[in-house]
Protein backbone atom coordinates (compact mmCIF):
# COMPACT_ATOMS: atom_id res chain seq x y z
CA MET A 1 2.08 67.81 -46.18
CA GLU A 2 4.81 65.36 -47.12
CA ALA A 3 6.36 66.29 -43.56
CA CYS A 4 3.11 65.66 -41.67
CA GLY A 5 2.80 62.41 -43.33
CA ALA A 6 6.17 61.27 -42.28
CA LYS A 7 5.72 62.49 -38.78
CA ALA A 8 2.71 60.35 -38.55
CA GLN A 9 4.31 57.47 -40.22
CA GLY A 10 7.00 57.86 -37.64
CA ALA A 11 4.56 57.99 -34.93
CA GLY A 12 2.72 55.05 -36.09
CA HIS A 13 6.11 53.03 -36.16
CA ALA A 14 6.88 53.98 -32.71
CA CYS A 15 3.59 52.72 -31.58
CA LEU A 16 4.12 49.63 -33.24
CA CYS A 17 7.51 49.12 -31.76
CA LEU A 18 6.03 49.80 -28.33
CA CYS A 19 3.11 47.16 -28.64
CA ALA A 20 5.88 44.86 -29.75
CA ASN A 21 8.05 45.16 -26.89
CA LEU A 22 4.95 45.21 -24.74
CA ILE A 23 3.95 42.12 -25.96
CA SER A 24 7.24 40.23 -26.13
CA GLY A 25 8.22 41.30 -22.49
CA ARG A 26 10.95 43.63 -23.65
CA LEU A 27 9.53 46.78 -22.37
CA HIS A 28 10.74 48.06 -18.98
CA PHE A 29 9.06 50.98 -17.15
CA PRO A 30 10.65 53.41 -14.69
CA PRO A 31 10.25 52.65 -11.01
CA ARG A 32 7.66 55.26 -10.45
CA VAL A 33 5.55 54.12 -13.47
CA ALA A 34 5.94 50.37 -12.54
CA ARG A 35 4.63 51.27 -8.66
CA SER A 36 1.59 52.90 -10.16
CA LEU A 37 0.63 49.81 -12.30
CA GLU A 38 1.25 47.37 -9.29
CA PRO A 39 -2.11 45.86 -8.10
CA SER A 40 -3.29 46.72 -4.57
CA ASN A 41 -3.06 43.26 -3.70
CA PRO A 42 -0.47 41.66 -5.52
CA PRO A 43 -0.01 37.83 -5.71
CA PRO A 44 2.47 36.29 -3.42
CA SER A 45 6.04 36.05 -4.70
CA LEU A 46 7.52 32.92 -5.63
CA PRO A 47 10.28 31.26 -3.39
CA PRO A 48 13.62 32.45 -4.44
CA HIS A 49 15.66 29.97 -6.70
CA SER A 50 19.22 29.76 -7.78
CA PRO A 51 19.93 31.90 -10.85
CA PRO A 52 20.61 30.22 -14.15
CA PRO A 53 24.04 29.91 -15.58
CA PRO A 54 25.41 32.79 -17.86
CA ALA A 55 24.62 32.66 -21.52
CA ARG A 56 25.90 34.35 -24.52
CA ARG A 57 24.15 37.51 -25.63
CA GLY A 58 22.56 36.20 -28.74
CA ALA A 59 21.69 32.77 -27.19
CA ALA A 60 19.93 34.82 -24.52
CA ALA A 61 17.88 36.70 -26.58
CA ASP A 62 16.78 33.23 -28.45
CA ASP A 63 16.16 31.87 -24.72
CA LEU A 64 13.86 34.88 -23.99
CA ARG A 65 12.02 34.62 -27.03
CA SER A 66 11.37 30.77 -26.51
CA SER A 67 10.63 31.29 -22.75
CA SER A 68 8.10 33.67 -23.45
CA THR A 69 6.48 31.75 -26.07
CA ARG A 70 6.08 28.90 -23.80
CA ALA A 71 4.93 30.98 -20.98
CA THR A 72 2.21 32.49 -23.31
CA ASP A 73 1.51 29.32 -24.54
CA GLU A 74 0.44 27.95 -21.16
CA PHE A 75 -2.66 30.66 -21.39
CA GLY A 76 -3.27 30.03 -25.19
CA GLY A 77 -1.80 33.35 -26.38
CA THR A 78 0.65 34.31 -29.31
CA LEU A 79 3.50 36.40 -29.64
CA ALA A 80 5.47 38.04 -32.49
CA PRO A 81 9.19 37.69 -31.49
CA LYS A 82 10.28 40.54 -33.84
CA LEU A 83 8.68 43.53 -35.21
CA GLY A 84 7.57 42.96 -38.74
CA GLU A 85 7.12 39.17 -38.33
CA LYS A 86 3.64 37.60 -38.95
CA PRO A 87 2.29 36.26 -35.45
CA GLN A 88 2.39 32.36 -35.43
CA PRO A 89 -0.52 30.73 -33.52
CA LEU A 90 1.07 28.34 -30.88
CA PRO A 91 0.18 24.55 -30.69
CA ARG A 92 -1.61 23.63 -27.67
CA SER A 93 -0.67 20.47 -26.25
CA PRO A 94 -3.12 18.51 -23.98
CA ALA A 95 -0.09 17.56 -21.71
CA LEU A 96 2.48 20.09 -21.23
CA THR A 97 6.24 18.67 -20.42
CA ARG A 98 7.86 21.90 -19.71
CA VAL A 99 6.33 24.70 -17.60
CA ILE A 100 7.87 28.09 -17.41
CA TYR A 101 6.91 30.28 -14.40
CA ALA A 102 7.24 33.78 -14.64
CA ASP A 103 7.16 36.66 -12.56
CA PRO A 104 4.10 36.21 -10.50
CA ARG A 105 3.06 40.11 -10.95
CA PHE A 106 2.70 39.60 -14.75
CA LEU A 107 -0.52 37.47 -14.99
CA VAL A 108 -2.97 36.86 -17.78
CA SER A 109 -6.43 35.90 -16.44
CA LYS A 110 -8.69 33.90 -19.04
CA SER A 111 -12.38 34.54 -19.42
CA GLY A 112 -14.59 33.42 -22.25
CA SER A 113 -12.49 32.95 -25.27
CA GLY A 114 -10.39 35.81 -25.29
CA GLY A 115 -7.38 36.53 -22.95
CA ARG A 116 -7.27 39.92 -21.09
CA LEU A 117 -4.03 41.44 -19.58
CA LYS A 118 -4.58 41.67 -15.63
CA HIS A 119 -1.54 42.89 -14.04
CA LEU A 120 1.65 44.39 -16.04
CA VAL A 121 4.80 45.69 -14.27
CA SER A 122 8.46 45.08 -14.88
CA PRO A 123 8.95 42.21 -17.38
CA THR A 124 11.24 39.52 -16.59
CA ALA A 125 13.29 39.25 -19.60
CA SER A 126 17.05 39.45 -19.27
CA LEU A 127 17.68 41.91 -22.29
CA GLN A 128 16.54 45.28 -22.91
CA SER A 129 15.07 46.18 -26.12
CA ARG A 130 16.97 49.03 -27.70
CA THR A 131 13.77 50.66 -29.02
CA SER A 132 12.36 50.80 -25.47
CA SER A 133 15.66 52.51 -24.30
CA ARG A 134 15.16 55.28 -26.98
CA LEU A 135 11.52 55.80 -26.15
CA PHE A 136 11.92 55.97 -22.37
CA ASN A 137 15.81 56.34 -21.99
CA HIS A 138 15.83 54.50 -18.88
CA ALA A 139 17.78 51.39 -18.05
CA PRO A 140 16.43 48.41 -15.55
CA SER A 141 17.64 48.83 -12.17
CA PRO A 142 20.00 46.16 -10.69
CA ARG A 143 17.24 45.09 -8.40
CA PHE A 144 15.37 43.94 -11.39
CA ARG A 145 18.24 42.45 -12.88
CA HIS A 146 18.69 40.06 -9.91
CA ARG A 147 14.94 39.18 -9.79
CA ARG A 148 15.15 38.44 -13.61
CA SER A 149 18.04 35.77 -13.16
CA SER A 150 16.09 33.69 -10.46
CA ARG A 151 12.35 33.82 -11.55
CA PHE A 152 12.13 31.29 -14.23
CA ILE A 153 11.93 27.61 -12.94
CA VAL A 154 11.76 24.52 -15.20
CA ARG A 155 10.10 21.50 -14.15
CA ALA A 156 8.11 18.58 -15.54
CA ASP A 157 4.21 18.28 -15.50
CA ALA A 158 2.70 15.11 -14.05
CA ASP A 159 0.10 13.25 -16.58
CA PHE A 160 -2.71 12.70 -14.43
CA TYR A 161 -4.11 10.24 -16.87
CA SER A 162 -1.00 8.02 -17.00
CA THR A 163 -0.73 8.05 -13.17
CA LEU A 164 -4.49 6.40 -12.82
CA GLY A 165 -3.59 4.27 -15.81
CA VAL A 166 -6.56 5.20 -17.93
CA SER A 167 -6.99 6.89 -21.42
CA ARG A 168 -7.88 10.54 -22.15
CA ASN A 169 -11.35 9.84 -22.91
CA ALA A 170 -12.11 7.69 -20.11
CA SER A 171 -15.47 8.19 -18.46
CA LYS A 172 -16.02 9.39 -14.78
CA SER A 173 -16.95 5.89 -13.86
CA GLU A 174 -13.52 4.51 -15.41
CA ILE A 175 -11.71 7.08 -13.47
CA LYS A 176 -13.36 6.70 -10.05
CA SER A 177 -12.84 2.78 -10.55
CA ALA A 178 -9.20 2.81 -11.27
CA TYR A 179 -8.80 5.59 -8.33
CA ARG A 180 -10.33 2.99 -5.97
CA LYS A 181 -8.23 0.11 -7.01
CA LEU A 182 -4.81 2.10 -6.79
CA ALA A 183 -5.79 3.91 -3.64
CA ARG A 184 -6.33 0.40 -1.97
CA SER A 185 -3.07 -1.05 -3.00
CA TYR A 186 -1.00 1.92 -2.37
CA HIS A 187 -2.34 3.26 0.94
CA PRO A 188 0.15 3.47 3.75
CA ASP A 189 -1.65 1.11 6.04
CA VAL A 190 -1.70 -1.47 3.64
CA ASN A 191 1.67 -0.94 1.51
CA LYS A 192 4.69 -0.28 3.45
CA ASP A 193 6.93 0.00 0.50
CA PRO A 194 8.84 3.24 0.96
CA GLY A 195 7.44 5.04 -2.38
CA ALA A 196 3.82 4.09 -1.27
CA GLU A 197 2.77 6.81 0.33
CA GLN A 198 4.12 9.43 -2.35
CA LYS A 199 2.37 7.47 -4.74
CA PHE A 200 -0.91 7.47 -2.89
CA LYS A 201 -0.49 11.17 -2.91
CA ASP A 202 -0.02 11.37 -6.73
CA ILE A 203 -3.14 9.05 -7.25
CA SER A 204 -5.52 11.41 -4.94
CA ASN A 205 -3.77 14.60 -6.79
CA ALA A 206 -4.68 13.03 -10.19
CA TYR A 207 -8.23 11.93 -9.31
CA GLU A 208 -9.16 15.36 -7.62
CA VAL A 209 -8.51 17.06 -11.01
CA LEU A 210 -9.86 14.39 -13.38
CA SER A 211 -13.09 13.91 -11.40
CA ASP A 212 -13.98 17.65 -11.51
CA ASP A 213 -15.41 18.56 -14.91
CA GLU A 214 -13.79 22.08 -14.89
CA LYS A 215 -10.53 21.53 -13.72
CA ARG A 216 -10.28 18.36 -16.21
CA SER A 217 -11.25 20.77 -18.95
CA ILE A 218 -8.31 23.23 -18.27
CA TYR A 219 -6.26 20.46 -17.41
CA ASP A 220 -6.91 18.96 -20.93
CA LYS A 221 -6.09 22.36 -22.55
CA TYR A 222 -3.34 23.87 -20.65
CA GLY A 223 -1.74 21.09 -18.39
CA GLU A 224 -1.27 21.38 -14.89
CA ALA A 225 -0.01 24.92 -15.11
CA GLY A 226 -3.31 25.90 -16.54
CA LEU A 227 -4.90 24.90 -13.07
CA LYS A 228 -2.36 27.20 -11.05
CA GLY A 229 -2.99 29.97 -13.41
CA ALA A 230 -6.50 29.80 -12.94
CA GLY A 231 -6.15 29.84 -9.21
CA MET A 232 -7.51 26.12 -8.84
CA GLY A 233 -4.69 24.09 -8.21
CA THR A 234 -5.44 20.89 -6.24
CA GLY A 235 -6.29 22.21 -2.86
CA ASP A 236 -9.64 20.83 -2.04
CA TYR A 237 -8.01 18.04 -0.20
CA SER A 238 -5.04 19.18 1.33
CA ASN A 239 -4.98 15.76 3.09
CA PRO A 240 -5.14 12.75 0.70
CA PHE A 241 -6.75 10.86 3.30
CA ASP A 242 -9.82 13.24 3.32
CA LEU A 243 -10.54 12.32 -0.36
CA PHE A 244 -9.80 8.65 0.35
CA GLU A 245 -12.50 8.58 3.30
CA SER A 246 -14.94 10.66 1.41
CA LEU A 247 -14.81 8.38 -1.46
CA PHE A 248 -14.97 5.09 0.46
CA GLU A 249 -17.55 6.57 3.24
CA GLY A 250 -20.68 4.06 3.11
CA PHE A 251 -18.55 1.13 1.89
CA GLY A 252 -17.56 -0.22 5.55
CA GLY A 253 -14.15 1.59 5.53
CA MET A 254 -10.76 0.01 4.96
CA GLY A 255 -10.26 -1.91 8.25
CA GLY A 256 -8.77 1.32 10.23
CA MET A 257 -7.28 3.05 7.06
CA GLY A 258 -7.39 6.46 6.59
CA GLY A 259 -7.76 9.35 9.01
CA ARG A 260 -9.66 10.04 12.18
CA ALA A 261 -13.16 8.77 11.08
CA ALA A 262 -11.71 5.30 10.49
CA ARG A 263 -9.66 5.49 13.51
CA ASN A 264 -12.51 6.30 15.78
CA ARG A 265 -14.71 3.49 14.72
CA PRO A 266 -14.84 0.39 16.98
CA MET A 267 -11.98 -2.06 16.06
CA GLN A 268 -12.15 -5.83 16.20
CA GLY A 269 -9.77 -7.50 18.59
CA ASP A 270 -6.90 -9.24 17.76
CA ASP A 271 -6.70 -13.08 17.87
CA GLU A 272 -5.05 -15.12 20.65
CA ALA A 273 -3.16 -18.45 20.27
CA TYR A 274 -2.86 -21.38 22.47
CA ASN A 275 -0.62 -24.25 22.42
CA LEU A 276 -2.28 -27.58 23.33
CA VAL A 277 -0.50 -30.97 23.82
CA LEU A 278 -2.22 -34.30 23.29
CA ASN A 279 -1.05 -37.83 23.49
CA PHE A 280 -1.38 -40.31 20.78
CA LYS A 281 -4.77 -41.86 21.69
CA GLU A 282 -6.43 -38.42 22.52
CA ALA A 283 -5.60 -37.12 19.11
CA VAL A 284 -6.83 -40.14 17.28
CA PHE A 285 -10.34 -40.50 19.18
CA GLY A 286 -10.67 -36.94 20.12
CA VAL A 287 -10.96 -35.50 23.81
CA GLU A 288 -12.60 -32.80 25.73
CA LYS A 289 -10.13 -30.67 27.70
CA GLU A 290 -10.48 -27.59 30.09
CA ILE A 291 -7.73 -25.04 29.19
CA GLU A 292 -6.56 -21.79 30.95
CA ILE A 293 -6.15 -18.74 28.62
CA THR A 294 -5.05 -15.22 29.11
CA ARG A 295 -6.53 -12.46 27.01
CA LEU A 296 -7.62 -8.86 26.84
CA GLU A 297 -10.99 -7.95 28.05
CA GLY A 298 -13.13 -4.78 28.29
CA CYS A 299 -12.37 -2.63 31.29
CA ASN A 300 -15.42 -2.50 33.55
CA THR A 301 -14.12 0.98 35.15
CA CYS A 302 -14.45 2.95 31.72
CA ASP A 303 -16.76 0.89 29.78
CA GLY A 304 -13.85 0.33 27.47
CA THR A 305 -13.63 4.13 26.24
CA GLY A 306 -10.05 4.22 28.03
CA ALA A 307 -11.18 7.66 29.55
CA LYS A 308 -11.26 8.40 33.04
CA PRO A 309 -14.76 8.40 34.36
CA GLY A 310 -16.34 11.90 34.53
CA THR A 311 -14.01 13.43 31.87
CA LYS A 312 -14.47 13.95 28.12
CA PRO A 313 -12.26 13.59 25.35
CA THR A 314 -10.67 17.01 23.93
CA THR A 315 -9.61 17.68 20.32
CA CYS A 316 -5.95 16.84 19.84
CA LYS A 317 -3.89 19.95 19.78
CA THR A 318 -1.12 18.52 17.95
CA CYS A 319 -3.10 17.41 14.61
CA GLY A 320 -6.16 19.74 15.36
CA GLY A 321 -8.56 16.77 15.50
CA GLN A 322 -7.45 15.24 11.94
CA GLY A 323 -5.52 12.26 13.37
CA GLN A 324 -2.56 12.83 10.95
CA VAL A 325 0.18 15.65 10.70
CA VAL A 326 1.70 16.89 7.55
CA SER A 327 5.12 18.04 7.18
CA SER A 328 6.42 19.91 4.19
CA THR A 329 9.78 19.54 2.61
CA ARG A 330 11.22 22.25 0.21
CA THR A 331 13.34 20.85 -2.46
CA PRO A 332 14.78 22.16 -5.88
CA LEU A 333 11.86 20.31 -7.75
CA GLY A 334 9.01 21.74 -5.54
CA ILE A 335 7.56 21.24 -1.95
CA PHE A 336 6.94 17.54 -0.64
CA GLN A 337 4.25 16.74 1.68
CA GLN A 338 4.27 13.76 4.10
CA VAL A 339 1.28 12.64 5.93
CA SER A 340 1.96 10.70 9.14
CA THR A 341 -0.02 9.32 11.86
CA CYS A 342 -0.19 11.74 14.81
CA ASN A 343 1.76 10.37 17.90
CA THR A 344 -0.04 12.31 20.38
CA CYS A 345 -3.50 10.85 19.96
CA GLY A 346 -2.47 7.71 17.99
CA GLY A 347 -4.46 8.63 14.93
CA THR A 348 -7.91 9.17 16.61
CA GLY A 349 -7.93 13.05 16.46
CA GLU A 350 -8.93 12.94 20.28
CA PHE A 351 -7.12 13.32 23.64
CA SER A 352 -8.65 11.78 26.75
CA THR A 353 -7.46 11.72 30.30
CA PRO A 354 -6.28 7.98 30.79
CA CYS A 355 -8.27 5.58 32.80
CA ASN A 356 -6.44 4.52 36.05
CA THR A 357 -7.55 0.90 35.80
CA CYS A 358 -6.60 0.36 32.02
CA GLY A 359 -4.04 3.15 31.33
CA GLY A 360 -6.47 4.39 28.63
CA ASP A 361 -6.29 1.25 26.40
CA GLY A 362 -10.01 0.13 27.41
CA ARG A 363 -9.01 -3.25 28.04
CA VAL A 364 -7.40 -4.94 30.83
CA ARG A 365 -5.72 -8.54 30.63
CA LYS A 366 -7.81 -11.51 32.44
CA THR A 367 -7.40 -15.19 32.92
CA LYS A 368 -10.10 -17.35 31.91
CA ARG A 369 -10.81 -21.05 31.87
CA ILE A 370 -12.87 -22.49 28.99
CA SER A 371 -13.81 -26.20 28.04
CA LEU A 372 -12.47 -27.20 24.43
CA LYS A 373 -13.82 -30.10 22.48
CA VAL A 374 -10.93 -31.51 20.23
CA PRO A 375 -12.38 -33.64 17.30
CA ALA A 376 -11.01 -36.91 16.45
CA GLY A 377 -8.25 -37.34 13.95
CA VAL A 378 -6.36 -34.19 14.74
CA ASP A 379 -2.46 -34.29 14.24
CA SER A 380 0.41 -32.08 15.04
CA GLY A 381 0.04 -28.83 13.31
CA SER A 382 -3.57 -28.99 13.37
CA ARG A 383 -5.34 -25.67 14.34
CA LEU A 384 -8.70 -25.48 15.79
CA ARG A 385 -10.51 -22.03 16.00
CA VAL A 386 -12.94 -20.90 19.05
CA ARG A 387 -15.01 -17.86 17.82
CA SER A 388 -15.24 -14.74 19.87
CA GLU A 389 -12.54 -16.06 22.57
CA GLY A 390 -9.82 -13.63 21.45
CA ASN A 391 -8.89 -10.24 22.62
CA ALA A 392 -11.61 -7.81 23.02
CA GLY A 393 -11.80 -4.98 20.38
CA ARG A 394 -10.96 -1.43 21.06
CA ARG A 395 -13.97 1.04 21.69
CA GLY A 396 -16.36 -1.64 22.16
CA GLY A 397 -15.44 -3.61 18.82
CA PRO A 398 -16.16 -7.24 18.60
CA PRO A 399 -13.67 -9.81 20.29
CA GLY A 400 -10.95 -11.68 18.03
CA ASP A 401 -10.91 -15.50 17.86
CA LEU A 402 -8.93 -18.04 19.71
CA TYR A 403 -6.73 -20.30 17.69
CA VAL A 404 -5.52 -23.48 19.44
CA PHE A 405 -2.45 -25.27 18.01
CA ILE A 406 -2.26 -29.04 18.44
CA ASP A 407 0.91 -30.72 19.30
CA VAL A 408 0.59 -34.71 19.33
CA LEU A 409 3.29 -36.84 21.37
CA SER A 410 4.54 -39.89 19.57
CA ASP A 411 3.89 -43.40 20.74
CA PRO A 412 6.69 -45.64 21.21
CA VAL A 413 5.10 -48.46 19.46
CA LEU A 414 2.44 -47.16 16.62
CA LYS A 415 3.38 -44.63 14.16
CA ARG A 416 1.07 -42.54 12.21
CA ASP A 417 0.69 -42.10 8.47
CA GLY A 418 -1.99 -39.85 7.65
CA THR A 419 -4.96 -41.93 8.63
CA ASN A 420 -3.22 -45.25 8.81
CA ILE A 421 -1.18 -46.61 11.73
CA LEU A 422 2.04 -48.50 10.94
CA TYR A 423 3.34 -51.35 13.23
CA THR A 424 6.44 -53.90 12.75
CA CYS A 425 5.39 -57.36 14.13
CA LYS A 426 8.61 -59.79 14.64
CA VAL A 427 7.96 -63.37 14.05
CA SER A 428 10.63 -66.31 14.28
CA TYR A 429 11.61 -68.08 10.98
CA ILE A 430 9.66 -71.35 12.15
CA ASP A 431 6.36 -69.14 12.51
CA ALA A 432 6.82 -67.49 9.32
CA ILE A 433 7.42 -70.96 7.71
CA LEU A 434 4.42 -72.69 9.46
CA GLY A 435 2.42 -69.64 10.09
CA THR A 436 0.99 -68.74 13.44
CA THR A 437 -1.33 -66.05 15.20
CA VAL A 438 0.09 -63.06 17.26
CA LYS A 439 -1.24 -60.43 19.23
CA VAL A 440 -0.77 -56.82 17.97
CA PRO A 441 -1.12 -53.69 19.86
CA THR A 442 -3.77 -51.28 18.32
CA VAL A 443 -5.25 -47.98 19.35
CA ASP A 444 -8.21 -50.09 20.33
CA GLY A 445 -6.28 -52.41 22.23
CA MET A 446 -4.54 -55.85 21.58
CA VAL A 447 -5.98 -57.74 18.81
CA ASP A 448 -5.10 -60.94 17.15
CA LEU A 449 -3.53 -61.12 13.83
CA LYS A 450 -2.79 -64.50 11.94
CA ILE A 451 0.39 -64.69 10.19
CA PRO A 452 0.01 -66.93 7.14
CA SER A 453 2.34 -69.87 6.53
CA GLY A 454 5.10 -69.16 4.17
CA THR A 455 5.11 -65.45 5.00
CA GLN A 456 8.10 -63.73 3.59
CA PRO A 457 10.16 -61.07 5.32
CA GLY A 458 8.88 -57.70 4.80
CA THR A 459 5.42 -58.79 4.05
CA THR A 460 2.45 -56.09 5.19
CA LEU A 461 -0.40 -57.48 6.19
CA VAL A 462 -3.61 -54.97 6.58
CA MET A 463 -5.81 -54.87 9.78
CA SER A 464 -9.03 -52.96 8.09
CA LYS A 465 -10.61 -50.20 10.23
CA LYS A 466 -7.94 -50.01 12.77
CA GLY A 467 -6.50 -46.73 11.79
CA VAL A 468 -7.33 -43.03 12.65
CA PRO A 469 -10.83 -41.65 12.09
CA LEU A 470 -11.01 -38.96 9.12
CA LEU A 471 -11.23 -35.56 10.56
CA GLY A 472 -14.72 -34.49 10.60
CA LYS A 473 -15.94 -38.10 9.84
CA SER A 474 -15.75 -40.18 12.88
CA ASN A 475 -17.25 -43.15 11.13
CA ALA A 476 -14.87 -43.30 8.41
CA ARG A 477 -11.37 -44.73 9.57
CA GLY A 478 -8.00 -45.69 8.14
CA ASP A 479 -6.05 -49.10 8.38
CA GLN A 480 -3.44 -50.43 10.65
CA LEU A 481 -0.54 -51.80 8.35
CA VAL A 482 1.55 -54.64 10.04
CA ARG A 483 4.81 -55.17 8.49
CA VAL A 484 6.38 -58.66 9.26
CA GLN A 485 10.06 -58.88 10.43
CA VAL A 486 11.22 -62.69 10.27
CA GLU A 487 14.06 -63.23 13.03
CA ILE A 488 16.73 -65.61 12.13
CA PRO A 489 18.74 -66.82 15.37
CA LYS A 490 22.35 -66.14 15.34
CA ARG A 491 23.16 -69.04 17.62
CA LEU A 492 21.76 -72.76 17.35
CA SER A 493 21.91 -75.67 19.73
CA SER A 494 23.38 -79.05 18.65
CA ASP A 495 20.04 -80.60 18.06
CA GLU A 496 18.66 -77.57 16.26
CA ARG A 497 21.67 -77.81 13.87
CA LYS A 498 20.92 -81.36 13.26
CA LEU A 499 17.46 -80.71 12.29
CA ILE A 500 18.31 -77.95 10.14
CA GLU A 501 21.11 -79.92 8.32
CA GLU A 502 18.62 -82.85 7.91
CA LEU A 503 16.09 -80.18 6.41
CA ALA A 504 18.87 -78.66 4.16
CA ASN A 505 19.65 -82.28 2.80
CA LEU A 506 15.93 -83.11 2.09
CA ASN A 507 15.71 -79.78 0.16
CA LYS A 508 18.79 -80.85 -1.88
CA ALA A 509 17.28 -84.31 -2.75
CA GLN A 510 13.91 -82.61 -3.84
CA THR A 511 15.96 -80.08 -5.95
CA ALA A 512 18.05 -82.96 -7.65
CA ASN A 513 14.72 -85.06 -8.48
CA SER A 514 13.07 -81.79 -9.97
CA ARG A 515 15.84 -81.32 -12.51
CA ARG A 516 15.40 -85.03 -13.79
């Protein structure tokens, strides 16, 4: 009886050892047994990576236990690193900072509240359990050793909440509003910074997960690795522009931003510029001018479609009708995708036989004469806008506007200071002393101006309402400011000198009398 009990106890101990090694990932099956346990359609293997640096034997065992613990923690399980130790529940962090990818053939699927072992073949541990060696008397093959050294990849998980700038308890409307704001700011068609396109992809990826209740729940519990383990990932929108267009559909688009749908819409034509030169009086009082402009107009041969008459557009073979092409680059940190506009179709997603007249643009450059009314009061640098006289839009879009830039020639006599006109009037010292009336040029013609007696040099006289009309208010005008400049002769005749000397003597006598 004691012998039977000892045998039963030994068998139970062996079973416990077997279960412990099976859970901790230190059990290795023979190749024949491993092949029999492999699934009929195993998951695709991960891309090869460089093996980790060698470590001490004891440290390797510790790393194995910590790695196994972290890998299992992604799916919410627990492990007993040693036989006889009490299993400890592992904490579940809402945002994992380190993710260990194990052998893709060792997967645990989550259903309900309990975990279920789906596939189990040769584990990826770097050390073999002595107990399993005694039970099976089999050592792992070099092929498994090589795979074990290159299966584990450590990378940092993205924090989708931080990417969108929202809290973890944010509502769907807050997440959607944050995505719209960031997507508009970092869209590559608007933001030309080198990192804007990658930032736009990260924002789209974060919104795709957090806007879905099921994906968000898994992400909150297990992080990004939980999504991949559940087979969800972020693949509903492989092209981030599709997500952008689906969200902004019905809001008028983003002015040509996004993929094929936005680029196929009619687009407004570009504005055209014209420089107009006016003389001084034309700028002051306004004028009506006939100008000749050159602009793009719709092609009459193809009716603005750009396609040769009788032909139909076909789907672009380069981008498959998407309007963008995606290029992938493998790096040690993962696979990065870059989205760019298709050069073949120009982002339209379609390819047409070009029209012989317009060369596929749908527009041709023509010359046109238009009548332009220049308002009174314009100045150099003024800009006039003529609506719908710019270049025609693509695919039947509305035309742009014509902007006329004014350049005013200077007047040799009159100077302009805002709405006022400046003029310098020269008078003799006799006229300045005695006073006089002089003729002054203005924009209205020659006008008499009275110089008061005793006018001092540099005196400014105001001629009211003789300035420039206010732009848009022709009834209101500025003033003309006349600055008096007294001229003193450099040479005098003998008679003039005698008179001035007599005047000087008289002035001295008056000064002496005033001091008494």
